[in-house]
């Protein structure tokens, strides 16, 4: 495997990993739930917040952290 092929494979793996799961905010019953959603669009709760801004900030931070990790 050449250096270029290796770099392309790493980039492809990084994109696939980033597409698999993401953090989203869902408004339910006056609370804002931070949810982790997988590639099949299934979601489960991580935690809940009283303020939408806080939930969105947490989701943005976790999504960015996931991207940097990849």
N, C-alpha and C. Protein backbone atom coordinates (compact mmCIF):
# COMPACT_ATOMS: atom_id res chain seq x y z
N UNK A 1 0.86 -1.18 0.00
CA UNK A 1 0.00 0.00 0.00
C UNK A 1 0.90 1.24 0.00
N UNK A 2 0.65 2.13 -0.92
CA UNK A 2 1.45 3.35 -1.00
C UNK A 2 0.99 4.34 0.07
N UNK A 3 1.77 5.37 0.26
CA UNK A 3 1.42 6.42 1.23
C UNK A 3 0.10 7.08 0.87
N UNK A 4 -0.11 7.32 -0.42
CA UNK A 4 -1.35 7.96 -0.88
C UNK A 4 -2.56 7.07 -0.63
N UNK A 5 -2.40 5.78 -0.91
CA UNK A 5 -3.51 4.83 -0.68
C UNK A 5 -3.82 4.73 0.82
N UNK A 6 -2.77 4.73 1.63
CA UNK A 6 -2.96 4.66 3.07
C UNK A 6 -3.68 5.90 3.59
N UNK A 7 -3.27 7.08 3.12
CA UNK A 7 -3.92 8.32 3.53
C UNK A 7 -5.38 8.35 3.08
N UNK A 8 -5.66 7.87 1.88
CA UNK A 8 -7.03 7.82 1.38
C UNK A 8 -7.88 6.85 2.21
N UNK A 9 -7.31 5.73 2.58
CA UNK A 9 -8.04 4.75 3.41
C UNK A 9 -8.34 5.33 4.78
N UNK A 10 -7.38 6.05 5.37
CA UNK A 10 -7.62 6.68 6.66
C UNK A 10 -8.71 7.73 6.58
N UNK A 11 -8.69 8.53 5.53
CA UNK A 11 -9.71 9.56 5.36
C UNK A 11 -11.09 8.94 5.16
N UNK A 12 -11.16 7.88 4.38
CA UNK A 12 -12.43 7.18 4.16
C UNK A 12 -12.97 6.61 5.48
N UNK A 13 -12.09 6.02 6.27
CA UNK A 13 -12.49 5.47 7.57
C UNK A 13 -12.97 6.58 8.50
N UNK A 14 -12.28 7.73 8.49
CA UNK A 14 -12.68 8.85 9.33
C UNK A 14 -14.07 9.35 8.95
N UNK A 15 -14.34 9.49 7.64
CA UNK A 15 -15.66 9.94 7.18
C UNK A 15 -16.74 8.95 7.56
N UNK A 16 -16.47 7.65 7.40
CA UNK A 16 -17.46 6.63 7.75
C UNK A 16 -17.76 6.66 9.25
N UNK A 17 -16.73 6.83 10.06
CA UNK A 17 -16.92 6.87 11.52
C UNK A 17 -17.74 8.08 11.92
N UNK A 18 -17.50 9.23 11.27
CA UNK A 18 -18.26 10.44 11.58
C UNK A 18 -19.71 10.34 11.15
N UNK A 19 -19.98 9.57 10.10
CA UNK A 19 -21.36 9.43 9.63
C UNK A 19 -22.15 8.45 10.47
N UNK A 20 -21.50 7.61 11.22
CA UNK A 20 -22.19 6.58 11.98
C UNK A 20 -23.07 7.12 13.09
N UNK A 21 -22.55 8.01 13.88
CA UNK A 21 -23.32 8.48 15.04
C UNK A 21 -23.16 9.99 15.18
N UNK A 22 -24.20 10.61 15.71
CA UNK A 22 -24.14 12.05 15.96
C UNK A 22 -25.00 12.36 17.18
N UNK A 23 -24.74 13.48 17.78
CA UNK A 23 -25.51 13.93 18.93
C UNK A 23 -26.51 14.98 18.46
N UNK A 24 -27.76 14.83 18.87
CA UNK A 24 -28.82 15.75 18.48
C UNK A 24 -29.62 16.13 19.72
N UNK A 25 -30.39 17.20 19.61
CA UNK A 25 -31.25 17.66 20.71
C UNK A 25 -32.70 17.46 20.29
N UNK A 26 -33.47 16.88 21.18
CA UNK A 26 -34.89 16.66 20.92
C UNK A 26 -35.70 17.30 22.06
N UNK A 27 -36.71 18.06 21.68
CA UNK A 27 -37.60 18.73 22.64
C UNK A 27 -38.75 17.79 22.97
N UNK A 28 -38.84 17.38 24.23
CA UNK A 28 -39.92 16.49 24.67
C UNK A 28 -40.43 16.96 26.03
N UNK A 29 -41.69 17.28 26.06
CA UNK A 29 -42.37 17.63 27.31
C UNK A 29 -41.69 18.77 28.06
N UNK A 30 -41.24 19.77 27.32
CA UNK A 30 -40.64 20.94 27.95
C UNK A 30 -39.20 20.78 28.38
N UNK A 31 -38.60 19.63 28.13
CA UNK A 31 -37.20 19.40 28.44
C UNK A 31 -36.46 19.12 27.14
N UNK A 32 -35.19 19.34 27.15
CA UNK A 32 -34.37 19.16 25.96
C UNK A 32 -33.44 17.98 26.18
N UNK A 33 -33.68 16.94 25.42
CA UNK A 33 -32.94 15.70 25.59
C UNK A 33 -31.77 15.65 24.61
N UNK A 34 -30.59 15.39 25.14
CA UNK A 34 -29.42 15.16 24.32
C UNK A 34 -29.44 13.68 23.94
N UNK A 35 -29.51 13.43 22.63
CA UNK A 35 -29.64 12.06 22.14
C UNK A 35 -28.44 11.71 21.26
N UNK A 36 -28.05 10.47 21.32
CA UNK A 36 -27.03 9.95 20.39
C UNK A 36 -27.77 9.16 19.33
N UNK A 37 -27.59 9.55 18.06
CA UNK A 37 -28.31 8.90 16.96
C UNK A 37 -27.30 8.16 16.08
N UNK A 38 -27.60 6.90 15.79
CA UNK A 38 -26.67 6.11 14.98
C UNK A 38 -27.01 6.23 13.49
N UNK A 39 -26.26 5.54 12.66
CA UNK A 39 -26.44 5.60 11.22
C UNK A 39 -27.80 5.11 10.75
N UNK A 40 -28.45 4.25 11.53
CA UNK A 40 -29.78 3.75 11.18
C UNK A 40 -30.88 4.68 11.68
N UNK A 41 -30.49 5.86 12.19
CA UNK A 41 -31.40 6.89 12.69
C UNK A 41 -32.09 6.49 13.99
N UNK A 42 -31.60 5.48 14.68
CA UNK A 42 -32.11 5.13 16.00
C UNK A 42 -31.42 6.05 17.01
N UNK A 43 -32.17 6.49 18.01
CA UNK A 43 -31.60 7.42 18.97
C UNK A 43 -31.92 6.98 20.39
N UNK A 44 -31.01 7.28 21.30
CA UNK A 44 -31.26 7.02 22.71
C UNK A 44 -30.72 8.19 23.51
N UNK A 45 -31.35 8.40 24.63
CA UNK A 45 -31.03 9.55 25.45
C UNK A 45 -29.72 9.41 26.18
N UNK A 46 -29.00 10.52 26.26
CA UNK A 46 -27.76 10.58 27.02
C UNK A 46 -28.04 11.31 28.33
N UNK A 47 -28.68 12.47 28.21
CA UNK A 47 -29.06 13.26 29.39
C UNK A 47 -30.11 14.28 28.96
N UNK A 48 -30.61 15.05 29.90
CA UNK A 48 -31.60 16.07 29.55
C UNK A 48 -31.21 17.40 30.20
N UNK A 49 -31.68 18.46 29.57
CA UNK A 49 -31.37 19.82 30.01
C UNK A 49 -32.65 20.63 30.11
N UNK A 50 -32.61 21.68 30.91
CA UNK A 50 -33.75 22.58 31.05
C UNK A 50 -33.71 23.65 29.96
N UNK A 51 -32.52 24.06 29.57
CA UNK A 51 -32.37 25.10 28.56
C UNK A 51 -31.90 24.50 27.24
N UNK A 52 -32.55 24.93 26.16
CA UNK A 52 -32.18 24.44 24.82
C UNK A 52 -30.74 24.81 24.48
N UNK A 53 -30.32 26.02 24.84
CA UNK A 53 -28.98 26.49 24.50
C UNK A 53 -27.91 25.57 25.09
N UNK A 54 -28.13 25.13 26.32
CA UNK A 54 -27.16 24.25 26.97
C UNK A 54 -27.11 22.90 26.26
N UNK A 55 -28.26 22.37 25.91
CA UNK A 55 -28.32 21.08 25.21
C UNK A 55 -27.64 21.17 23.85
N UNK A 56 -27.89 22.25 23.12
CA UNK A 56 -27.27 22.43 21.80
C UNK A 56 -25.76 22.62 21.91
N UNK A 57 -25.33 23.31 22.93
CA UNK A 57 -23.90 23.49 23.15
C UNK A 57 -23.23 22.14 23.43
N UNK A 58 -23.86 21.32 24.27
CA UNK A 58 -23.32 20.00 24.58
C UNK A 58 -23.27 19.12 23.32
N UNK A 59 -24.32 19.16 22.51
CA UNK A 59 -24.35 18.37 21.28
C UNK A 59 -23.25 18.83 20.32
N UNK A 60 -23.08 20.13 20.17
CA UNK A 60 -22.05 20.66 19.28
C UNK A 60 -20.66 20.26 19.77
N UNK A 61 -20.45 20.34 21.06
CA UNK A 61 -19.15 19.97 21.63
C UNK A 61 -18.86 18.49 21.39
N UNK A 62 -19.84 17.64 21.66
CA UNK A 62 -19.62 16.20 21.49
C UNK A 62 -19.43 15.82 20.03
N UNK A 63 -20.16 16.45 19.13
CA UNK A 63 -19.98 16.19 17.70
C UNK A 63 -18.59 16.63 17.25
N UNK A 64 -18.13 17.77 17.72
CA UNK A 64 -16.80 18.25 17.37
C UNK A 64 -15.72 17.34 17.94
N UNK A 65 -15.91 16.90 19.18
CA UNK A 65 -14.96 16.00 19.80
C UNK A 65 -14.87 14.69 19.01
N UNK A 66 -16.01 14.21 18.56
CA UNK A 66 -16.06 12.98 17.77
C UNK A 66 -15.30 13.16 16.46
N UNK A 67 -15.44 14.31 15.82
CA UNK A 67 -14.74 14.59 14.58
C UNK A 67 -13.23 14.66 14.80
N UNK A 68 -12.83 15.33 15.88
CA UNK A 68 -11.40 15.46 16.16
C UNK A 68 -10.78 14.11 16.49
N UNK A 69 -11.56 13.25 17.16
CA UNK A 69 -11.09 11.93 17.53
C UNK A 69 -10.84 11.08 16.30
N UNK A 70 -11.71 11.25 15.30
CA UNK A 70 -11.60 10.46 14.08
C UNK A 70 -10.38 10.92 13.32
